[in-house]
Amino acid sequence: EPESEFVIKIQDINDNEPKFLDGPYTAGVPE
């Protein structure tokens, strides 16, 4: 038969925690 192409997709699991890439944050607020 002719050669055939197929894709194996890797299904995600929740294996990464959210990250604050721009932290630490510093802010001020007037009294």
PDB file of all heavy atoms in Angstrom:
ATOM      1  N   GLU A   1       0.865  -1.181   0.000  1.00  0.00           N
ATOM      2  CA  GLU A   1       0.000   0.000   0.000  1.00  0.00           C
ATOM      3  C   GLU A   1       0.900   1.228   0.000  1.00  0.00           C
ATOM      4  O   GLU A   1       2.070   1.141   0.364  1.00  0.00           O
ATOM      5  CB  GLU A   1      -0.862   0.040   1.272  1.00  0.00           C
ATOM      6  CG  GLU A   1      -1.970  -0.972   1.309  1.00  0.00           C
ATOM      7  CD  GLU A   1      -2.923  -0.727   2.471  1.00  0.00           C
ATOM      8  OE1 GLU A   1      -3.092   0.439   2.861  1.00  0.00           O
ATOM      9  OE2 GLU A   1      -3.482  -1.701   2.967  1.00  0.00           O
ATOM     10  N   PRO A   2       0.357   2.392  -0.411  1.00  0.00           N
ATOM     11  CA  PRO A   2       1.165   3.620  -0.321  1.00  0.00           C
ATOM     12  C   PRO A   2       1.520   3.921   1.140  1.00  0.00           C
ATOM     13  O   PRO A   2       0.760   3.586   2.046  1.00  0.00           O
ATOM     14  CB  PRO A   2       0.251   4.707  -0.884  1.00  0.00           C
ATOM     15  CG  PRO A   2      -0.828   3.987  -1.619  1.00  0.00           C
ATOM     16  CD  PRO A   2      -0.960   2.635  -0.984  1.00  0.00           C
ATOM     17  N   GLU A   3       2.661   4.557   1.326  1.00  0.00           N
ATOM     18  CA  GLU A   3       3.074   4.977   2.667  1.00  0.00           C
ATOM     19  C   GLU A   3       2.041   5.965   3.202  1.00  0.00           C
ATOM     20  O   GLU A   3       1.514   6.789   2.469  1.00  0.00           O
ATOM     21  CB  GLU A   3       4.447   5.647   2.559  1.00  0.00           C
ATOM     22  CG  GLU A   3       5.037   6.042   3.889  1.00  0.00           C
ATOM     23  CD  GLU A   3       6.418   6.653   3.734  1.00  0.00           C
ATOM     24  OE1 GLU A   3       6.500   7.810   3.305  1.00  0.00           O
ATOM     25  OE2 GLU A   3       7.398   5.960   4.035  1.00  0.00           O
ATOM     26  N   SER A   4       1.739   5.888   4.496  1.00  0.00           N
ATOM     27  CA  SER A   4       0.792   6.834   5.086  1.00  0.00           C
ATOM     28  C   SER A   4       1.450   7.575   6.236  1.00  0.00           C
ATOM     29  O   SER A   4       2.350   7.055   6.895  1.00  0.00           O
ATOM     30  CB  SER A   4      -0.475   6.116   5.562  1.00  0.00           C
ATOM     31  OG  SER A   4      -0.163   5.171   6.548  1.00  0.00           O
ATOM     32  N   GLU A   5       1.009   8.811   6.438  1.00  0.00           N
ATOM     33  CA  GLU A   5       1.552   9.658   7.495  1.00  0.00           C
ATOM     34  C   GLU A   5       0.491   9.843   8.563  1.00  0.00           C
ATOM     35  O   GLU A   5      -0.690   9.955   8.258  1.00  0.00           O
ATOM     36  CB  GLU A   5       1.952  11.017   6.900  1.00  0.00           C
ATOM     37  CG  GLU A   5       2.697  11.901   7.880  1.00  0.00           C
ATOM     38  CD  GLU A   5       3.189  13.183   7.224  1.00  0.00           C
ATOM     39  OE1 GLU A   5       4.301  13.179   6.682  1.00  0.00           O
ATOM     40  OE2 GLU A   5       2.439  14.169   7.263  1.00  0.00           O
ATOM     41  N   PHE A   6       0.901   9.842   9.812  1.00  0.00           N
ATOM     42  CA  PHE A   6      -0.049  10.095  10.901  1.00  0.00           C
ATOM     43  C   PHE A   6       0.659  10.849  12.018  1.00  0.00           C
ATOM     44  O   PHE A   6       1.882  10.889  12.087  1.00  0.00           O
ATOM     45  CB  PHE A   6      -0.693   8.802  11.402  1.00  0.00           C
ATOM     46  CG  PHE A   6       0.256   7.808  12.004  1.00  0.00           C
ATOM     47  CD1 PHE A   6       0.408   7.719  13.373  1.00  0.00           C
ATOM     48  CD2 PHE A   6       0.992   6.954  11.203  1.00  0.00           C
ATOM     49  CE1 PHE A   6       1.277   6.804  13.935  1.00  0.00           C
ATOM     50  CE2 PHE A   6       1.861   6.032  11.750  1.00  0.00           C
ATOM     51  CZ  PHE A   6       2.007   5.959  13.117  1.00  0.00           C
ATOM     52  N   VAL A   7      -0.153  11.464  12.863  1.00  0.00           N
ATOM     53  CA  VAL A   7       0.361  12.292  13.957  1.00  0.00           C
ATOM     54  C   VAL A   7      -0.063  11.672  15.282  1.00  0.00           C
ATOM     55  O   VAL A   7      -1.225  11.311  15.460  1.00  0.00           O
ATOM     56  CB  VAL A   7      -0.178  13.738  13.851  1.00  0.00           C
ATOM     57  CG1 VAL A   7       0.219  14.558  15.073  1.00  0.00           C
ATOM     58  CG2 VAL A   7       0.328  14.391  12.582  1.00  0.00           C
ATOM     59  N   ILE A   8       0.893  11.544  16.192  1.00  0.00           N
ATOM     60  CA  ILE A   8       0.583  11.140  17.564  1.00  0.00           C
ATOM     61  C   ILE A   8       0.624  12.407  18.408  1.00  0.00           C
ATOM     62  O   ILE A   8       1.663  13.055  18.511  1.00  0.00           O
ATOM     63  CB  ILE A   8       1.583  10.089  18.090  1.00  0.00           C
ATOM     64  CG1 ILE A   8       1.473   8.815  17.260  1.00  0.00           C
ATOM     65  CG2 ILE A   8       1.324   9.808  19.568  1.00  0.00           C
ATOM     66  CD1 ILE A   8       2.461   7.737  17.629  1.00  0.00           C
ATOM     67  N   LYS A   9      -0.534  12.766  18.961  1.00  0.00           N
ATOM     68  CA  LYS A   9      -0.640  13.983  19.769  1.00  0.00           C
ATOM     69  C   LYS A   9      -0.486  13.600  21.230  1.00  0.00           C
ATOM     70  O   LYS A   9      -1.049  12.616  21.684  1.00  0.00           O
ATOM     71  CB  LYS A   9      -2.005  14.636  19.532  1.00  0.00           C
ATOM     72  CG  LYS A   9      -2.161  15.956  20.238  1.00  0.00           C
ATOM     73  CD  LYS A   9      -3.463  16.649  19.859  1.00  0.00           C
ATOM     74  CE  LYS A   9      -3.497  18.037  20.418  1.00  0.00           C
ATOM     75  NZ  LYS A   9      -4.386  18.210  21.540  1.00  0.00           N
ATOM     76  N   ILE A  10       0.301  14.377  21.956  1.00  0.00           N
ATOM     77  CA  ILE A  10       0.509  14.128  23.375  1.00  0.00           C
ATOM     78  C   ILE A  10      -0.555  14.897  24.150  1.00  0.00           C
ATOM     79  O   ILE A  10      -0.637  16.117  24.066  1.00  0.00           O
ATOM     80  CB  ILE A  10       1.926  14.558  23.833  1.00  0.00           C
ATOM     81  CG1 ILE A  10       3.000  13.998  22.882  1.00  0.00           C
ATOM     82  CG2 ILE A  10       2.174  14.118  25.274  1.00  0.00           C
ATOM     83  CD1 ILE A  10       2.968  12.511  22.662  1.00  0.00           C
ATOM     84  N   GLN A  11      -1.365  14.157  24.879  1.00  0.00           N
ATOM     85  CA  GLN A  11      -2.482  14.763  25.616  1.00  0.00           C
ATOM     86  C   GLN A  11      -2.000  15.303  26.952  1.00  0.00           C
ATOM     87  O   GLN A  11      -1.289  14.627  27.691  1.00  0.00           O
ATOM     88  CB  GLN A  11      -3.572  13.708  25.824  1.00  0.00           C
ATOM     89  CG  GLN A  11      -4.838  14.270  26.427  1.00  0.00           C
ATOM     90  CD  GLN A  11      -5.901  13.189  26.531  1.00  0.00           C
ATOM     91  OE1 GLN A  11      -6.044  12.345  25.645  1.00  0.00           O
ATOM     92  NE2 GLN A  11      -6.633  13.191  27.611  1.00  0.00           N
ATOM     93  N   ASP A  12      -2.395  16.522  27.254  1.00  0.00           N
ATOM     94  CA  ASP A  12      -1.913  17.237  28.429  1.00  0.00           C
ATOM     95  C   ASP A  12      -2.479  16.682  29.728  1.00  0.00           C
ATOM     96  O   ASP A  12      -3.625  16.253  29.782  1.00  0.00           O
ATOM     97  CB  ASP A  12      -2.307  18.718  28.294  1.00  0.00           C
ATOM     98  CG  ASP A  12      -1.563  19.602  29.260  1.00  0.00           C
ATOM     99  OD1 ASP A  12      -0.426  19.271  29.630  1.00  0.00           O
ATOM    100  OD2 ASP A  12      -2.114  20.648  29.647  1.00  0.00           O
ATOM    101  N   ILE A  13      -1.661  16.714  30.777  1.00  0.00           N
ATOM    102  CA  ILE A  13      -2.147  16.540  32.144  1.00  0.00           C
ATOM    103  C   ILE A  13      -1.742  17.800  32.907  1.00  0.00           C
ATOM    104  O   ILE A  13      -0.904  18.570  32.447  1.00  0.00           O
ATOM    105  CB  ILE A  13      -1.581  15.273  32.822  1.00  0.00           C
ATOM    106  CG1 ILE A  13      -0.058  15.370  32.972  1.00  0.00           C
ATOM    107  CG2 ILE A  13      -1.995  14.016  32.088  1.00  0.00           C
ATOM    108  CD1 ILE A  13       0.544  14.302  33.876  1.00  0.00           C
ATOM    109  N   ASN A  14      -2.325  18.000  34.054  1.00  0.00           N
ATOM    110  CA  ASN A  14      -2.034  19.204  34.842  1.00  0.00           C
ATOM    111  C   ASN A  14      -0.746  18.984  35.627  1.00  0.00           C
ATOM    112  O   ASN A  14      -0.765  18.691  36.813  1.00  0.00           O
ATOM    113  CB  ASN A  14      -3.212  19.514  35.775  1.00  0.00           C
ATOM    114  CG  ASN A  14      -3.098  20.894  36.375  1.00  0.00           C
ATOM    115  OD1 ASN A  14      -2.187  21.641  36.068  1.00  0.00           O
ATOM    116  ND2 ASN A  14      -4.030  21.237  37.246  1.00  0.00           N
ATOM    117  N   ASP A  15       0.391  19.141  34.927  1.00  0.00           N
ATOM    118  CA  ASP A  15       1.681  18.866  35.560  1.00  0.00           C
ATOM    119  C   ASP A  15       2.549  20.113  35.709  1.00  0.00           C
ATOM    120  O   ASP A  15       3.723  20.009  36.015  1.00  0.00           O
ATOM    121  CB  ASP A  15       2.438  17.775  34.788  1.00  0.00           C
ATOM    122  CG  ASP A  15       2.732  18.166  33.351  1.00  0.00           C
ATOM    123  OD1 ASP A  15       2.059  19.066  32.814  1.00  0.00           O
ATOM    124  OD2 ASP A  15       3.645  17.570  32.760  1.00  0.00           O
ATOM    125  N   ASN A  16       1.967  21.281  35.482  1.00  0.00           N
ATOM    126  CA  ASN A  16       2.708  22.537  35.662  1.00  0.00           C
ATOM    127  C   ASN A  16       1.905  23.475  36.548  1.00  0.00           C
ATOM    128  O   ASN A  16       0.697  23.633  36.362  1.00  0.00           O
ATOM    129  CB  ASN A  16       2.944  23.218  34.309  1.00  0.00           C
ATOM    130  CG  ASN A  16       3.952  22.465  33.480  1.00  0.00           C
ATOM    131  OD1 ASN A  16       5.144  22.538  33.726  1.00  0.00           O
ATOM    132  ND2 ASN A  16       3.463  21.705  32.518  1.00  0.00           N
ATOM    133  N   GLU A  17       2.588  24.082  37.505  1.00  0.00           N
ATOM    134  CA  GLU A  17       1.917  25.049  38.357  1.00  0.00           C
ATOM    135  C   GLU A  17       2.065  26.439  37.732  1.00  0.00           C
ATOM    136  O   GLU A  17       3.028  26.690  37.014  1.00  0.00           O
ATOM    137  CB  GLU A  17       2.481  25.027  39.782  1.00  0.00           C
ATOM    138  CG  GLU A  17       3.863  25.609  39.944  1.00  0.00           C
ATOM    139  CD  GLU A  17       4.989  24.677  39.515  1.00  0.00           C
ATOM    140  OE1 GLU A  17       4.724  23.497  39.221  1.00  0.00           O
ATOM    141  OE2 GLU A  17       6.138  25.152  39.448  1.00  0.00           O
ATOM    142  N   PRO A  18       1.097  27.336  38.003  1.00  0.00           N
ATOM    143  CA  PRO A  18       1.244  28.706  37.494  1.00  0.00           C
ATOM    144  C   PRO A  18       2.476  29.368  38.095  1.00  0.00           C
ATOM    145  O   PRO A  18       2.850  29.097  39.237  1.00  0.00           O
ATOM    146  CB  PRO A  18      -0.032  29.407  37.974  1.00  0.00           C
ATOM    147  CG  PRO A  18      -0.991  28.311  38.279  1.00  0.00           C
ATOM    148  CD  PRO A  18      -0.160  27.145  38.717  1.00  0.00           C
ATOM    149  N   LYS A  19       3.100  30.249  37.303  1.00  0.00           N
ATOM    150  CA  LYS A  19       4.302  30.949  37.776  1.00  0.00           C
ATOM    151  C   LYS A  19       4.149  32.442  37.533  1.00  0.00           C
ATOM    152  O   LYS A  19       3.641  32.863  36.499  1.00  0.00           O
ATOM    153  CB  LYS A  19       5.533  30.433  37.037  1.00  0.00           C
ATOM    154  CG  LYS A  19       5.881  29.016  37.420  1.00  0.00           C
ATOM    155  CD  LYS A  19       7.247  28.632  36.911  1.00  0.00           C
ATOM    156  CE  LYS A  19       7.694  27.392  37.610  1.00  0.00           C
ATOM    157  NZ  LYS A  19       8.041  26.275  36.910  1.00  0.00           N
ATOM    158  N   PHE A  20       4.618  33.237  38.493  1.00  0.00           N
ATOM    159  CA  PHE A  20       4.670  34.690  38.352  1.00  0.00           C
ATOM    160  C   PHE A  20       6.024  35.035  37.746  1.00  0.00           C
ATOM    161  O   PHE A  20       7.007  35.191  38.456  1.00  0.00           O
ATOM    162  CB  PHE A  20       4.492  35.379  39.708  1.00  0.00           C
ATOM    163  CG  PHE A  20       3.098  35.287  40.258  1.00  0.00           C
ATOM    164  CD1 PHE A  20       2.770  34.327  41.203  1.00  0.00           C
ATOM    165  CD2 PHE A  20       2.108  36.145  39.817  1.00  0.00           C
ATOM    166  CE1 PHE A  20       1.490  34.237  41.707  1.00  0.00           C
ATOM    167  CE2 PHE A  20       0.817  36.063  40.319  1.00  0.00           C
ATOM    168  CZ  PHE A  20       0.501  35.105  41.265  1.00  0.00           C
ATOM    169  N   LEU A  21       6.070  35.132  36.422  1.00  0.00           N
ATOM    170  CA  LEU A  21       7.344  35.365  35.737  1.00  0.00           C
ATOM    171  C   LEU A  21       7.869  36.783  35.937  1.00  0.00           C
ATOM    172  O   LEU A  21       9.070  37.020  35.847  1.00  0.00           O
ATOM    173  CB  LEU A  21       7.188  35.066  34.237  1.00  0.00           C
ATOM    174  CG  LEU A  21       6.779  33.629  33.900  1.00  0.00           C
ATOM    175  CD1 LEU A  21       6.614  33.457  32.399  1.00  0.00           C
ATOM    176  CD2 LEU A  21       7.792  32.625  34.432  1.00  0.00           C
ATOM    177  N   ASP A  22       6.982  37.745  36.212  1.00  0.00           N
ATOM    178  CA  ASP A  22       7.403  39.135  36.384  1.00  0.00           C
ATOM    179  C   ASP A  22       7.602  39.527  37.844  1.00  0.00           C
ATOM    180  O   ASP A  22       7.925  40.669  38.131  1.00  0.00           O
ATOM    181  CB  ASP A  22       6.373  40.090  35.751  1.00  0.00           C
ATOM    182  CG  ASP A  22       6.231  39.863  34.263  1.00  0.00           C
ATOM    183  OD1 ASP A  22       7.227  39.483  33.627  1.00  0.00           O
ATOM    184  OD2 ASP A  22       5.125  40.045  33.738  1.00  0.00           O
ATOM    185  N   GLY A  23       7.396  38.615  38.768  1.00  0.00           N
ATOM    186  CA  GLY A  23       7.490  38.938  40.191  1.00  0.00           C
ATOM    187  C   GLY A  23       8.936  38.975  40.661  1.00  0.00           C
ATOM    188  O   GLY A  23       9.839  38.636  39.908  1.00  0.00           O
ATOM    189  N   PRO A  24       9.232  39.399  41.883  1.00  0.00           N
ATOM    190  CA  PRO A  24       8.214  39.863  42.825  1.00  0.00           C
ATOM    191  C   PRO A  24       7.686  41.253  42.463  1.00  0.00           C
ATOM    192  O   PRO A  24       8.392  42.058  41.867  1.00  0.00           O
ATOM    193  CB  PRO A  24       8.959  39.900  44.161  1.00  0.00           C
ATOM    194  CG  PRO A  24      10.399  40.074  43.791  1.00  0.00           C
ATOM    195  CD  PRO A  24      10.572  39.417  42.448  1.00  0.00           C
ATOM    196  N   TYR A  25       6.431  41.482  42.803  1.00  0.00           N
ATOM    197  CA  TYR A  25       5.774  42.757  42.497  1.00  0.00           C
ATOM    198  C   TYR A  25       5.927  43.693  43.689  1.00  0.00           C
ATOM    199  O   TYR A  25       5.841  43.278  44.835  1.00  0.00           O
ATOM    200  CB  TYR A  25       4.288  42.543  42.228  1.00  0.00           C
ATOM    201  CG  TYR A  25       4.015  41.776  40.956  1.00  0.00           C
ATOM    202  CD1 TYR A  25       3.976  40.386  40.941  1.00  0.00           C
ATOM    203  CD2 TYR A  25       3.794  42.443  39.760  1.00  0.00           C
ATOM    204  CE1 TYR A  25       3.723  39.686  39.771  1.00  0.00           C
ATOM    205  CE2 TYR A  25       3.541  41.746  38.583  1.00  0.00           C
ATOM    206  CZ  TYR A  25       3.505  40.370  38.601  1.00  0.00           C
ATOM    207  OH  TYR A  25       3.259  39.688  37.448  1.00  0.00           O
ATOM    208  N   THR A  26       6.154  44.975  43.392  1.00  0.00           N
ATOM    209  CA  THR A  26       6.208  46.002  44.430  1.00  0.00           C
ATOM    210  C   THR A  26       5.240  47.095  44.030  1.00  0.00           C
ATOM    211  O   THR A  26       5.236  47.535  42.872  1.00  0.00           O
ATOM    212  CB  THR A  26       7.623  46.607  44.529  1.00  0.00           C
ATOM    213  OG1 THR A  26       8.561  45.541  44.760  1.00  0.00           O
ATOM    214  CG2 THR A  26       7.717  47.592  45.669  1.00  0.00           C
ATOM    215  N   ALA A  27       4.407  47.499  44.964  1.00  0.00           N
ATOM    216  CA  ALA A  27       3.420  48.546  44.656  1.00  0.00           C
ATOM    217  C   ALA A  27       3.172  49.365  45.910  1.00  0.00           C
ATOM    218  O   ALA A  27       3.427  48.919  47.024  1.00  0.00           O
ATOM    219  CB  ALA A  27       2.122  47.915  44.161  1.00  0.00           C
ATOM    220  N   GLY A  28       2.690  50.568  45.702  1.00  0.00           N
ATOM    221  CA  GLY A  28       2.331  51.436  46.819  1.00  0.00           C
ATOM    222  C   GLY A  28       0.927  51.970  46.612  1.00  0.00           C
ATOM    223  O   GLY A  28       0.433  52.003  45.492  1.00  0.00           O
ATOM    224  N   VAL A  29       0.310  52.358  47.703  1.00  0.00           N
ATOM    225  CA  VAL A  29      -1.024  52.953  47.622  1.00  0.00           C
ATOM    226  C   VAL A  29      -1.066  54.106  48.630  1.00  0.00           C
ATOM    227  O   VAL A  29      -0.590  53.964  49.761  1.00  0.00           O
ATOM    228  CB  VAL A  29      -2.129  51.892  47.897  1.00  0.00           C
ATOM    229  CG1 VAL A  29      -2.031  51.304  49.272  1.00  0.00           C
ATOM    230  CG2 VAL A  29      -3.518  52.453  47.635  1.00  0.00           C
ATOM    231  N   PRO A  30      -1.561  55.268  48.201  1.00  0.00           N
ATOM    232  CA  PRO A  30      -1.611  56.406  49.140  1.00  0.00           C
ATOM    233  C   PRO A  30      -2.521  56.104  50.330  1.00  0.00           C
ATOM    234  O   PRO A  30      -3.547  55.436  50.172  1.00  0.00           O
ATOM    235  CB  PRO A  30      -2.202  57.546  48.289  1.00  0.00           C
ATOM    236  CG  PRO A  30      -2.045  57.110  46.865  1.00  0.00           C
ATOM    237  CD  PRO A  30      -2.060  55.617  46.870  1.00  0.00           C
ATOM    238  N   GLU A  31      -2.132  56.590  51.509  1.00  0.00           N
ATOM    239  CA  GLU A  31      -2.998  56.380  52.666  1.00  0.00           C
ATOM    240  C   GLU A  31      -4.326  57.076  52.441  1.00  0.00           C
ATOM    241  O   GLU A  31      -4.435  58.011  51.652  1.00  0.00           O
ATOM    242  CB  GLU A  31      -2.318  56.872  53.952  1.00  0.00           C
ATOM    243  CG  GLU A  31      -2.089  58.368  54.011  1.00  0.00           C
ATOM    244  CD  GLU A  31      -1.478  58.779  55.345  1.00  0.00           C
ATOM    245  OE1 GLU A  31      -1.704  58.101  56.352  1.00  0.00           O
ATOM    246  OE2 GLU A  31      -0.764  59.788  55.361  1.00  0.00           O
TER     247      GLU A  31
END
